[in-house]
Amino acid sequence: MPPVMGAAAFLMAEFTGIPYWEIALAAAIPA
């Protein structure tokens, strides 16, 4: 659940190079 997701979401931002906010936004509908 955005905006503060599990710790792995921050790792995802680093691994993929995608800004964290874009990841949080993308996760909103599935959540």
All heavy atoms as atom14 arrays in JSON, in Angstrom:
{
  "sequence": "MPPVMGAAAFLMAEFTGIPYWEIALAAAIPA",
  "atom14_mask": [
    [1, 1, 1, 1, 1, 1, 1, 1, 0, 0, 0, 0, 0, 0],
    [1, 1, 1, 1, 1, 1, 1, 0, 0, 0, 0, 0, 0, 0],
    [1, 1, 1, 1, 1, 1, 1, 0, 0, 0, 0, 0, 0, 0],
    [1, 1, 1, 1, 1, 1, 1, 0, 0, 0, 0, 0, 0, 0],
    [1, 1, 1, 1, 1, 1, 1, 1, 0, 0, 0, 0, 0, 0],
    [1, 1, 1, 1, 0, 0, 0, 0, 0, 0, 0, 0, 0, 0],
    [1, 1, 1, 1, 1, 0, 0, 0, 0, 0, 0, 0, 0, 0],
    [1, 1, 1, 1, 1, 0, 0, 0, 0, 0, 0, 0, 0, 0],
    [1, 1, 1, 1, 1, 0, 0, 0, 0, 0, 0, 0, 0, 0],
    [1, 1, 1, 1, 1, 1, 1, 1, 1, 1, 1, 0, 0, 0],
    [1, 1, 1, 1, 1, 1, 1, 1, 0, 0, 0, 0, 0, 0],
    [1, 1, 1, 1, 1, 1, 1, 1, 0, 0, 0, 0, 0, 0],
    [1, 1, 1, 1, 1, 0, 0, 0, 0, 0, 0, 0, 0, 0],
    [1, 1, 1, 1, 1, 1, 1, 1, 1, 0, 0, 0, 0, 0],
    [1, 1, 1, 1, 1, 1, 1, 1, 1, 1, 1, 0, 0, 0],
    [1, 1, 1, 1, 1, 1, 1, 0, 0, 0, 0, 0, 0, 0],
    [1, 1, 1, 1, 0, 0, 0, 0, 0, 0, 0, 0, 0, 0],
    [1, 1, 1, 1, 1, 1, 1, 1, 0, 0, 0, 0, 0, 0],
    [1, 1, 1, 1, 1, 1, 1, 0, 0, 0, 0, 0, 0, 0],
    [1, 1, 1, 1, 1, 1, 1, 1, 1, 1, 1, 1, 0, 0],
    [1, 1, 1, 1, 1, 1, 1, 1, 1, 1, 1, 1, 1, 1],
    [1, 1, 1, 1, 1, 1, 1, 1, 1, 0, 0, 0, 0, 0],
    [1, 1, 1, 1, 1, 1, 1, 1, 0, 0, 0, 0, 0, 0],
    [1, 1, 1, 1, 1, 0, 0, 0, 0, 0, 0, 0, 0, 0],
    [1, 1, 1, 1, 1, 1, 1, 1, 0, 0, 0, 0, 0, 0],
    [1, 1, 1, 1, 1, 0, 0, 0, 0, 0, 0, 0, 0, 0],
    [1, 1, 1, 1, 1, 0, 0, 0, 0, 0, 0, 0, 0, 0],
    [1, 1, 1, 1, 1, 0, 0, 0, 0, 0, 0, 0, 0, 0],
    [1, 1, 1, 1, 1, 1, 1, 1, 0, 0, 0, 0, 0, 0],
    [1, 1, 1, 1, 1, 1, 1, 0, 0, 0, 0, 0, 0, 0],
    [1, 1, 1, 1, 1, 0, 0, 0, 0, 0, 0, 0, 0, 0]
  ],
  "atom14_positions": [
    [[0.83, -1.2, 0.0], [0.0, 0.0, 0.0], [0.87, 1.26, 0.0], [1.6, 1.52, 0.95], [-0.92, 0.0, 1.23], [-1.74, 1.27, 1.4], [-2.81, 1.65, -0.01], [-4.06, 0.39, 0.16], [0.0, 0.0, 0.0], [0.0, 0.0, 0.0], [0.0, 0.0, 0.0], [0.0, 0.0, 0.0], [0.0, 0.0, 0.0], [0.0, 0.0, 0.0]],
    [[0.82, 2.05, -1.08], [1.54, 3.34, -1.08], [0.91, 4.27, -0.04], [-0.22, 4.03, 0.39], [1.3, 3.86, -2.5], [0.86, 2.67, -3.3], [0.11, 1.8, -2.33], [0.0, 0.0, 0.0], [0.0, 0.0, 0.0], [0.0, 0.0, 0.0], [0.0, 0.0, 0.0], [0.0, 0.0, 0.0], [0.0, 0.0, 0.0], [0.0, 0.0, 0.0]],
    [[1.57, 5.36, 0.39], [2.83, 5.86, -0.17], [4.08, 5.2, 0.42], [5.12, 5.2, -0.2], [2.79, 7.34, 0.2], [2.02, 7.36, 1.49], [0.97, 6.3, 1.36], [0.0, 0.0, 0.0], [0.0, 0.0, 0.0], [0.0, 0.0, 0.0], [0.0, 0.0, 0.0], [0.0, 0.0, 0.0], [0.0, 0.0, 0.0], [0.0, 0.0, 0.0]],
    [[3.99, 4.66, 1.67], [5.16, 4.02, 2.28], [4.96, 2.52, 2.2], [4.24, 1.92, 2.99], [5.35, 4.46, 3.76], [6.62, 3.85, 4.32], [5.38, 5.97, 3.87], [0.0, 0.0, 0.0], [0.0, 0.0, 0.0], [0.0, 0.0, 0.0], [0.0, 0.0, 0.0], [0.0, 0.0, 0.0], [0.0, 0.0, 0.0], [0.0, 0.0, 0.0]],
    [[5.59, 1.91, 1.2], [5.44, 0.48, 0.98], [6.5, -0.28, 1.78], [7.26, 0.32, 2.55], [5.56, 0.19, -0.52], [4.51, 0.9, -1.37], [4.92, 0.95, -3.11], [4.85, -0.79, -3.52], [0.0, 0.0, 0.0], [0.0, 0.0, 0.0], [0.0, 0.0, 0.0], [0.0, 0.0, 0.0], [0.0, 0.0, 0.0], [0.0, 0.0, 0.0]],
    [[6.55, -1.61, 1.59], [7.56, -2.4, 2.27], [8.96, -1.97, 1.87], [9.17, -1.33, 0.83], [0.0, 0.0, 0.0], [0.0, 0.0, 0.0], [0.0, 0.0, 0.0], [0.0, 0.0, 0.0], [0.0, 0.0, 0.0], [0.0, 0.0, 0.0], [0.0, 0.0, 0.0], [0.0, 0.0, 0.0], [0.0, 0.0, 0.0], [0.0, 0.0, 0.0]],
    [[9.94, -2.34, 2.69], [11.32, -1.92, 2.45], [11.82, -2.33, 1.08], [12.63, -1.62, 0.46], [12.22, -2.51, 3.54], [0.0, 0.0, 0.0], [0.0, 0.0, 0.0], [0.0, 0.0, 0.0], [0.0, 0.0, 0.0], [0.0, 0.0, 0.0], [0.0, 0.0, 0.0], [0.0, 0.0, 0.0], [0.0, 0.0, 0.0], [0.0, 0.0, 0.0]],
    [[11.31, -3.46, 0.57], [11.78, -3.95, -0.73], [11.44, -2.98, -1.86], [12.11, -2.97, -2.9], [11.18, -5.32, -1.03], [0.0, 0.0, 0.0], [0.0, 0.0, 0.0], [0.0, 0.0, 0.0], [0.0, 0.0, 0.0], [0.0, 0.0, 0.0], [0.0, 0.0, 0.0], [0.0, 0.0, 0.0], [0.0, 0.0, 0.0], [0.0, 0.0, 0.0]],
    [[10.41, -2.15, -1.68], [10.04, -1.18, -2.73], [11.16, -0.16, -2.94], [11.39, 0.3, -4.07], [8.74, -0.48, -2.37], [0.0, 0.0, 0.0], [0.0, 0.0, 0.0], [0.0, 0.0, 0.0], [0.0, 0.0, 0.0], [0.0, 0.0, 0.0], [0.0, 0.0, 0.0], [0.0, 0.0, 0.0], [0.0, 0.0, 0.0], [0.0, 0.0, 0.0]],
    [[11.86, 0.21, -1.87], [12.98, 1.15, -1.99], [14.16, 0.48, -2.71], [14.88, 1.12, -3.48], [13.4, 1.65, -0.61], [12.33, 2.45, 0.08], [11.48, 1.87, 0.99], [12.17, 3.79, -0.22], [10.48, 2.6, 1.61], [11.18, 4.55, 0.4], [10.33, 3.95, 1.32], [0.0, 0.0, 0.0], [0.0, 0.0, 0.0], [0.0, 0.0, 0.0]],
    [[14.32, -0.82, -2.44], [15.35, -1.57, -3.16], [15.01, -1.64, -4.65], [15.88, -1.53, -5.51], [15.47, -2.98, -2.6], [16.17, -3.11, -1.24], [15.86, -4.45, -0.61], [17.66, -2.92, -1.39], [0.0, 0.0, 0.0], [0.0, 0.0, 0.0], [0.0, 0.0, 0.0], [0.0, 0.0, 0.0], [0.0, 0.0, 0.0], [0.0, 0.0, 0.0]],
    [[13.72, -1.8, -4.94], [13.28, -1.86, -6.33], [13.65, -0.58, -7.06], [14.07, -0.61, -8.23], [11.76, -2.08, -6.4], [11.27, -2.5, -7.77], [9.45, -2.53, -7.89], [9.02, -3.6, -6.53], [0.0, 0.0, 0.0], [0.0, 0.0, 0.0], [0.0, 0.0, 0.0], [0.0, 0.0, 0.0], [0.0, 0.0, 0.0], [0.0, 0.0, 0.0]],
    [[13.49, 0.55, -6.39], [13.83, 1.83, -7.01], [15.3, 1.87, -7.39], [15.68, 2.37, -8.47], [13.49, 2.98, -6.06], [0.0, 0.0, 0.0], [0.0, 0.0, 0.0], [0.0, 0.0, 0.0], [0.0, 0.0, 0.0], [0.0, 0.0, 0.0], [0.0, 0.0, 0.0], [0.0, 0.0, 0.0], [0.0, 0.0, 0.0], [0.0, 0.0, 0.0]],
    [[16.18, 1.34, -6.53], [17.61, 1.33, -6.81], [17.97, 0.31, -7.89], [18.77, 0.58, -8.78], [18.39, 1.02, -5.53], [18.43, 2.17, -4.53], [19.17, 3.37, -5.1], [20.36, 3.25, -5.4], [18.54, 4.44, -5.24], [0.0, 0.0, 0.0], [0.0, 0.0, 0.0], [0.0, 0.0, 0.0], [0.0, 0.0, 0.0], [0.0, 0.0, 0.0]],
    [[17.38, -0.87, -7.81], [17.7, -1.93, -8.76], [17.25, -1.59, -10.18], [17.92, -1.93, -11.16], [17.05, -3.25, -8.34], [17.73, -3.93, -7.18], [17.21, -5.09, -6.63], [18.91, -3.44, -6.64], [17.83, -5.74, -5.58], [19.54, -4.06, -5.58], [18.99, -5.21, -5.05], [0.0, 0.0, 0.0], [0.0, 0.0, 0.0], [0.0, 0.0, 0.0]],
    [[16.09, -0.95, -10.3], [15.51, -0.68, -11.62], [15.86, 0.7, -12.15], [15.73, 0.96, -13.35], [13.98, -0.81, -11.59], [13.43, 0.18, -10.69], [13.56, -2.2, -11.13], [0.0, 0.0, 0.0], [0.0, 0.0, 0.0], [0.0, 0.0, 0.0], [0.0, 0.0, 0.0], [0.0, 0.0, 0.0], [0.0, 0.0, 0.0], [0.0, 0.0, 0.0]],
    [[16.27, 1.62, -11.25], [16.53, 2.99, -11.67], [15.26, 3.8, -11.87], [15.29, 4.92, -12.38], [0.0, 0.0, 0.0], [0.0, 0.0, 0.0], [0.0, 0.0, 0.0], [0.0, 0.0, 0.0], [0.0, 0.0, 0.0], [0.0, 0.0, 0.0], [0.0, 0.0, 0.0], [0.0, 0.0, 0.0], [0.0, 0.0, 0.0], [0.0, 0.0, 0.0]],
    [[14.12, 3.24, -11.45], [12.83, 3.93, -11.55], [12.6, 4.7, -10.26], [12.73, 4.13, -9.17], [11.69, 2.92, -11.79], [11.91, 2.16, -13.1], [10.33, 3.63, -11.81], [10.96, 1.0, -13.31], [0.0, 0.0, 0.0], [0.0, 0.0, 0.0], [0.0, 0.0, 0.0], [0.0, 0.0, 0.0], [0.0, 0.0, 0.0], [0.0, 0.0, 0.0]],
    [[12.26, 6.0, -10.33], [12.03, 6.78, -9.11], [11.0, 6.12, -8.2], [10.02, 5.53, -8.68], [11.52, 8.13, -9.64], [12.08, 8.22, -11.02], [12.1, 6.82, -11.55], [0.0, 0.0, 0.0], [0.0, 0.0, 0.0], [0.0, 0.0, 0.0], [0.0, 0.0, 0.0], [0.0, 0.0, 0.0], [0.0, 0.0, 0.0], [0.0, 0.0, 0.0]],
    [[11.23, 6.23, -6.89], [10.33, 5.57, -5.93], [8.89, 6.01, -6.1], [7.96, 5.19, -6.0], [10.79, 5.85, -4.49], [9.81, 5.32, -3.47], [9.76, 3.96, -3.19], [8.9, 6.16, -2.82], [8.84, 3.44, -2.29], [7.98, 5.66, -1.92], [7.96, 4.31, -1.66], [7.03, 3.81, -0.78], [0.0, 0.0, 0.0], [0.0, 0.0, 0.0]],
    [[8.66, 7.31, -6.37], [7.29, 7.77, -6.49], [6.59, 7.09, -7.66], [5.39, 6.77, -7.57], [7.24, 9.29, -6.65], [5.86, 9.8, -6.95], [5.42, 10.41, -8.06], [4.73, 9.68, -6.08], [4.08, 10.7, -7.96], [3.62, 10.25, -6.75], [4.53, 9.14, -4.81], [2.35, 10.33, -6.19], [3.25, 9.19, -4.25], [2.19, 9.78, -4.93]],
    [[7.29, 6.86, -8.76], [6.68, 6.17, -9.9], [6.31, 4.73, -9.52], [5.29, 4.2, -9.97], [7.63, 6.18, -11.09], [7.8, 7.56, -11.74], [8.65, 7.51, -13.01], [8.74, 6.43, -13.62], [9.23, 8.55, -13.36], [0.0, 0.0, 0.0], [0.0, 0.0, 0.0], [0.0, 0.0, 0.0], [0.0, 0.0, 0.0], [0.0, 0.0, 0.0]],
    [[7.16, 4.1, -8.71], [6.86, 2.74, -8.25], [5.63, 2.75, -7.35], [4.73, 1.91, -7.48], [8.08, 2.15, -7.51], [9.2, 1.86, -8.51], [7.7, 0.87, -6.76], [10.5, 1.43, -7.87], [0.0, 0.0, 0.0], [0.0, 0.0, 0.0], [0.0, 0.0, 0.0], [0.0, 0.0, 0.0], [0.0, 0.0, 0.0], [0.0, 0.0, 0.0]],
    [[5.57, 3.72, -6.43], [4.42, 3.84, -5.53], [3.14, 4.1, -6.31], [2.08, 3.53, -6.01], [4.66, 4.94, -4.51], [0.0, 0.0, 0.0], [0.0, 0.0, 0.0], [0.0, 0.0, 0.0], [0.0, 0.0, 0.0], [0.0, 0.0, 0.0], [0.0, 0.0, 0.0], [0.0, 0.0, 0.0], [0.0, 0.0, 0.0], [0.0, 0.0, 0.0]],
    [[3.23, 4.95, -7.31], [2.06, 5.26, -8.14], [1.62, 4.03, -8.93], [0.42, 3.73, -9.02], [2.4, 6.4, -9.1], [1.23, 7.09, -9.82], [0.31, 7.75, -8.81], [1.76, 8.14, -10.8], [0.0, 0.0, 0.0], [0.0, 0.0, 0.0], [0.0, 0.0, 0.0], [0.0, 0.0, 0.0], [0.0, 0.0, 0.0], [0.0, 0.0, 0.0]],
    [[2.58, 3.31, -9.47], [2.26, 2.09, -10.23], [1.63, 1.03, -9.34], [0.79, 0.23, -9.79], [3.54, 1.53, -10.87], [0.0, 0.0, 0.0], [0.0, 0.0, 0.0], [0.0, 0.0, 0.0], [0.0, 0.0, 0.0], [0.0, 0.0, 0.0], [0.0, 0.0, 0.0], [0.0, 0.0, 0.0], [0.0, 0.0, 0.0], [0.0, 0.0, 0.0]],
    [[2.01, 1.02, -8.05], [1.49, 0.0, -7.12], [0.09, 0.34, -6.62], [-0.56, -0.52, -6.0], [2.44, -0.14, -5.93], [0.0, 0.0, 0.0], [0.0, 0.0, 0.0], [0.0, 0.0, 0.0], [0.0, 0.0, 0.0], [0.0, 0.0, 0.0], [0.0, 0.0, 0.0], [0.0, 0.0, 0.0], [0.0, 0.0, 0.0], [0.0, 0.0, 0.0]],
    [[-0.4, 1.55, -6.87], [-1.66, 2.0, -6.28], [-2.85, 1.16, -6.75], [-3.66, 0.69, -5.94], [-1.88, 3.48, -6.6], [0.0, 0.0, 0.0], [0.0, 0.0, 0.0], [0.0, 0.0, 0.0], [0.0, 0.0, 0.0], [0.0, 0.0, 0.0], [0.0, 0.0, 0.0], [0.0, 0.0, 0.0], [0.0, 0.0, 0.0], [0.0, 0.0, 0.0]],
    [[-2.98, 0.98, -8.07], [-4.14, 0.25, -8.6], [-4.12, -1.23, -8.15], [-5.14, -1.74, -7.67], [-4.21, 0.37, -10.13], [-4.5, 1.82, -10.52], [-5.29, -0.55, -10.69], [-4.47, 2.08, -12.02], [0.0, 0.0, 0.0], [0.0, 0.0, 0.0], [0.0, 0.0, 0.0], [0.0, 0.0, 0.0], [0.0, 0.0, 0.0], [0.0, 0.0, 0.0]],
    [[-2.98, -1.95, -8.26], [-2.96, -3.32, -7.74], [-3.31, -3.39, -6.25], [-3.98, -4.34, -5.82], [-1.51, -3.77, -7.99], [-1.09, -2.98, -9.19], [-1.73, -1.64, -9.0], [0.0, 0.0, 0.0], [0.0, 0.0, 0.0], [0.0, 0.0, 0.0], [0.0, 0.0, 0.0], [0.0, 0.0, 0.0], [0.0, 0.0, 0.0], [0.0, 0.0, 0.0]],
    [[-2.86, -2.4, -5.47], [-3.17, -2.4, -4.04], [-4.67, -2.24, -3.81], [-5.26, -2.91, -2.95], [-2.4, -1.28, -3.33], [0.0, 0.0, 0.0], [0.0, 0.0, 0.0], [0.0, 0.0, 0.0], [0.0, 0.0, 0.0], [0.0, 0.0, 0.0], [0.0, 0.0, 0.0], [0.0, 0.0, 0.0], [0.0, 0.0, 0.0], [0.0, 0.0, 0.0]]
  ]
}
